[in-house]
Protein backbone atom coordinates (compact mmCIF):
# COMPACT_ATOMS: atom_id res chain seq x y z
CA MET A 1 179.76 -15.59 127.37
CA LYS A 2 183.26 -16.05 125.99
CA ARG A 3 183.95 -19.39 124.46
CA ASN A 4 187.45 -20.67 124.96
CA ILE A 5 188.57 -24.15 123.99
CA VAL A 6 191.76 -25.72 125.45
CA ILE A 7 193.94 -28.62 124.21
CA ILE A 8 196.96 -29.99 126.06
CA HIS A 9 199.84 -31.36 123.97
CA LYS A 10 202.75 -33.24 125.58
CA SER A 11 205.59 -34.33 123.46
CA GLY A 12 207.29 -37.82 123.69
CA GLY A 13 204.31 -39.78 123.04
CA ASP A 14 202.03 -40.52 120.10
CA PHE A 15 200.69 -37.14 119.51
CA LYS A 16 202.05 -34.27 117.31
CA LEU A 17 201.11 -30.63 116.82
CA THR A 18 199.65 -31.78 113.39
CA ASP A 19 197.22 -33.90 115.40
CA VAL A 20 196.15 -30.61 117.26
CA TYR A 21 195.72 -28.78 113.81
CA LEU A 22 193.54 -31.65 112.61
CA LEU A 23 191.21 -31.25 115.53
CA VAL A 24 191.08 -27.48 115.46
CA SER A 25 190.32 -27.59 111.64
CA HIS A 26 187.26 -29.70 112.30
CA ILE A 27 186.03 -27.63 115.20
CA ASN A 28 186.15 -24.58 112.99
CA LYS A 29 184.71 -26.40 109.96
CA TYR A 30 181.59 -27.36 111.74
CA TRP A 31 181.17 -24.50 114.07
CA ASN A 32 177.63 -22.80 113.90
CA LYS A 33 178.20 -19.82 111.70
CA GLU A 34 175.65 -17.81 113.57
CA ILE A 35 177.81 -18.00 116.70
CA THR A 36 181.19 -16.23 116.99
CA LYS A 37 184.01 -18.90 116.72
CA PRO A 38 185.70 -19.89 120.00
CA ASP A 39 189.11 -18.85 120.75
CA ILE A 40 191.26 -22.05 120.78
CA TYR A 41 194.42 -22.48 122.82
CA CYS A 42 196.90 -25.38 122.75
CA TYR A 43 199.41 -25.59 125.72
CA SER A 44 202.53 -27.50 124.44
CA ASP A 45 205.89 -28.28 125.74
CA MET A 46 207.13 -27.91 122.09
CA VAL A 47 207.11 -23.94 122.11
CA LYS A 48 208.91 -21.56 124.39
CA TYR A 49 206.85 -18.45 123.36
CA GLU A 50 203.24 -17.89 122.38
CA ILE A 51 202.55 -18.58 118.69
CA SER A 52 199.55 -17.59 116.82
CA VAL A 53 198.35 -19.49 113.69
CA VAL A 54 195.17 -19.53 111.86
CA GLY A 55 192.50 -20.35 114.34
CA LEU A 56 194.81 -21.38 117.13
CA THR A 57 197.10 -19.87 119.75
CA ILE A 58 199.89 -22.10 121.00
CA ARG A 59 201.31 -21.39 124.43
CA PRO A 60 204.14 -22.87 126.47
CA LEU A 61 202.88 -25.75 128.75
CA PRO A 62 203.23 -24.92 132.40
CA ASN A 63 204.94 -27.74 134.40
CA PRO A 64 206.38 -29.65 131.34
CA GLN A 65 207.81 -32.16 133.72
CA TRP A 66 204.58 -33.83 134.49
CA VAL A 67 204.45 -36.79 132.10
CA GLY A 68 201.67 -38.13 129.79
CA TRP A 69 198.13 -37.55 130.87
CA TRP A 70 199.24 -35.96 134.09
CA SER A 71 200.07 -32.84 132.07
CA LYS A 72 196.38 -32.39 132.02
CA LEU A 73 196.41 -31.16 135.63
CA ASN A 74 197.65 -27.88 134.26
CA LEU A 75 194.11 -27.27 133.23
CA PHE A 76 193.37 -26.21 136.88
CA SER A 77 196.52 -24.11 137.29
CA PRO A 78 196.57 -20.44 137.86
CA GLU A 79 198.31 -20.03 134.45
CA LEU A 80 195.07 -21.12 132.72
CA ALA A 81 192.51 -19.50 135.09
CA GLU A 82 192.23 -16.48 132.89
CA LEU A 83 190.59 -18.64 130.19
CA ARG A 84 187.87 -20.07 132.48
CA PRO A 85 185.26 -21.07 131.81
CA PHE A 86 186.60 -23.22 129.01
CA LEU A 87 185.94 -26.39 127.05
CA TYR A 88 188.75 -28.86 127.16
CA LEU A 89 189.28 -31.69 124.57
CA ASP A 90 191.72 -34.42 124.47
CA ILE A 91 193.79 -34.54 121.22
CA ASP A 92 192.38 -38.03 120.25
CA THR A 93 188.89 -36.53 119.98
CA VAL A 94 187.06 -36.54 116.64
CA VAL A 95 184.75 -33.72 115.93
CA LEU A 96 182.02 -34.43 113.28
CA LYS A 97 179.48 -31.70 113.85
CA SER A 98 179.21 -28.33 115.56
CA ILE A 99 180.13 -28.46 119.32
CA ASP A 100 178.88 -25.03 120.21
CA THR A 101 176.07 -26.66 122.33
CA LEU A 102 178.73 -28.13 124.68
CA PHE A 103 179.10 -24.63 126.09
CA PRO A 104 176.36 -24.22 128.76
CA PRO A 105 174.01 -21.29 129.07
CA VAL A 106 175.44 -18.34 131.10
CA ASP A 107 173.39 -19.14 134.08
CA LYS A 108 175.06 -22.61 134.20
CA ASN A 109 178.59 -21.66 133.35
CA GLU A 110 179.84 -22.50 136.91
CA VAL A 111 179.20 -26.23 136.65
CA PHE A 112 181.97 -28.72 136.27
CA ILE A 113 181.01 -31.19 133.53
CA THR A 114 182.98 -34.33 132.49
CA LEU A 115 182.23 -37.59 130.73
CA ARG A 116 180.90 -40.55 132.50
CA ASP A 117 183.60 -43.30 131.91
CA PHE A 118 182.38 -45.39 128.90
CA TYR A 119 183.15 -48.62 130.81
CA ARG A 120 182.79 -47.73 134.42
CA PRO A 121 179.48 -45.75 134.85
CA THR A 122 180.35 -44.67 138.41
CA ALA A 123 183.72 -43.09 137.36
CA LEU A 124 184.37 -39.80 135.56
CA ALA A 125 186.53 -39.57 132.46
CA SER A 126 188.52 -36.49 131.64
CA GLY A 127 188.59 -36.54 127.77
CA VAL A 128 185.92 -33.81 127.36
CA MET A 129 185.51 -31.37 130.20
CA PHE A 130 183.89 -27.94 130.93
CA VAL A 131 186.11 -26.26 133.49
CA PRO A 132 184.37 -23.39 135.25
CA PHE A 133 185.82 -20.52 137.29
CA THR A 134 185.09 -22.00 140.65
CA ASN A 135 187.06 -22.74 143.88
CA ALA A 136 186.48 -26.42 143.20
CA MET A 137 188.93 -26.15 140.28
CA ASP A 138 191.43 -24.34 142.30
CA ASN A 139 191.09 -27.05 144.99
CA ILE A 140 191.96 -29.79 142.37
CA TYR A 141 195.26 -27.92 141.62
CA LYS A 142 196.07 -27.14 145.37
CA GLU A 143 195.68 -30.80 146.32
CA TRP A 144 197.76 -31.91 143.25
CA MET A 145 200.52 -29.58 144.25
CA LYS A 146 200.83 -31.11 147.75
CA GLY A 147 202.85 -33.93 146.02
CA PRO A 148 202.62 -34.71 142.19
CA ALA A 149 205.07 -37.55 142.52
CA VAL A 150 202.98 -39.11 145.34
CA HIS A 151 199.66 -38.83 143.46
CA ILE A 152 201.26 -40.22 140.34
CA ARG A 153 202.33 -43.33 142.34
CA ARG A 154 198.87 -43.62 144.00
CA PHE A 155 196.51 -43.08 141.18
CA THR A 156 196.22 -44.91 137.76
CA GLY A 157 195.36 -41.72 135.93
CA ASP A 158 194.40 -37.98 136.01
CA GLN A 159 190.75 -38.68 136.11
CA ASN A 160 191.14 -40.87 139.16
CA PHE A 161 192.93 -38.15 140.97
CA ILE A 162 190.34 -35.46 139.94
CA GLN A 163 187.51 -37.68 141.28
CA SER A 164 189.35 -38.18 144.60
CA VAL A 165 189.11 -34.45 145.00
CA VAL A 166 185.68 -33.53 143.68
CA THR A 167 183.99 -36.99 144.21
CA ASN A 168 181.79 -36.29 141.13
CA PRO A 169 181.43 -33.40 138.66
CA ASP A 170 178.16 -31.35 138.78
CA LEU A 171 177.02 -33.03 135.50
CA PHE A 172 178.04 -35.73 133.13
CA TRP A 173 177.84 -35.07 129.43
CA GLN A 174 175.94 -38.33 128.75
CA ASP A 175 173.22 -37.12 131.01
CA ILE A 176 172.58 -33.83 129.40
CA SER A 177 173.29 -34.58 125.71
CA THR A 178 171.36 -36.29 123.04
CA PRO A 179 172.10 -40.02 123.20
CA ASP A 180 175.38 -40.85 121.44
CA TYR A 181 176.15 -37.12 120.78
CA ILE A 182 179.36 -37.97 122.59
CA THR A 183 180.30 -41.48 122.10
CA THR A 184 183.31 -43.87 122.21
CA PHE A 185 185.09 -45.20 119.26
CA LYS A 186 185.16 -48.70 120.90
CA PRO A 187 182.03 -49.59 122.67
CA LYS A 188 182.47 -53.04 124.35
CA LYS A 189 186.10 -52.72 123.02
CA ILE A 190 184.79 -53.18 119.38
CA TRP A 191 185.78 -50.47 116.89
CA ARG A 192 182.92 -48.47 115.30
CA THR A 193 182.99 -48.97 111.60
CA GLU A 194 179.73 -47.03 111.41
CA LEU A 195 178.57 -44.22 113.69
CA PRO A 196 175.14 -43.47 115.29
CA ILE A 197 173.41 -40.63 113.38
CA ASN A 198 173.57 -38.27 116.38
CA SER A 199 177.27 -38.47 117.00
CA ALA A 200 179.20 -35.31 116.93
CA VAL A 201 182.15 -36.20 119.29
CA VAL A 202 184.00 -39.55 119.07
CA CYS A 203 186.45 -40.20 121.91
CA PHE A 204 189.23 -42.57 121.07
CA HIS A 205 190.76 -42.56 124.62
CA GLY A 206 193.78 -44.82 124.12
CA LYS A 207 194.50 -47.35 121.44
CA PRO A 208 193.96 -47.38 118.59
CA ARG A 209 195.10 -43.86 117.78
CA ILE A 210 193.23 -42.03 115.11
CA PRO A 211 195.74 -42.52 112.38
CA GLU A 212 195.92 -46.35 113.01
CA ALA A 213 192.09 -46.58 112.80
CA ALA A 214 192.04 -44.63 109.58
CA LYS A 215 193.91 -47.40 107.85
CA THR A 216 190.94 -49.75 107.97
CA VAL A 217 187.87 -47.64 108.97
CA LYS A 218 186.54 -45.60 106.14
CA TRP A 219 184.93 -42.72 108.06
CA VAL A 220 188.12 -42.23 110.05
CA GLU A 221 190.08 -42.22 106.88
CA SER A 222 187.80 -39.35 105.55
CA TYR A 223 188.29 -37.48 108.79
CA VAL A 224 192.10 -37.50 108.64
CA THR A 225 192.36 -36.70 104.93
CA TYR A 226 190.25 -33.57 105.41
CA GLU A 227 192.22 -30.70 103.87
CA ILE A 228 193.23 -28.33 106.58
């Protein structure tokens, strides 16, 4: 099975392309050497043409008019369908171990997998998703395109809109992974100064951003000073 990873970068906020490079460098650093490295794609509104750099392909972001997290609805667009199935990661995701196990076996690569919200266990979160090649993914985009402006006014975030279409994903990462393999930087809104031993993926999902946390949290400081 091909292994594609997708990252969405929207300018005008806190994130820069250097943040993308930092994430990509850690993905490649820890990737299981016995498994072919994934093809990693970043869709950004900062480029007009495809650019290839070491370990990363940057492509123009479809529909750059969608602001903030709403730009993630491009993940379900026809322009990205050729990459399915793919693993999506938010830019403010920290990778500390190999994440090759986040790609399901071939016989399960048609399942839609998301995070269970760290604070609301009945809600899905969109920071880490496995996007399969299924009609359900097309339906998310079709419903979105009926009126993006209306949906933006109605829903508080992209994950709320996604859940309104699919109800629930096929699986939640927390239900199929080792405990704490994917975790939050701020359980109960308290910053993690130390990590569980099993943690491979740490989701920042909002404030603080990774550079801010690096000023006072040693393990985050080590992460951001890794030489790309």
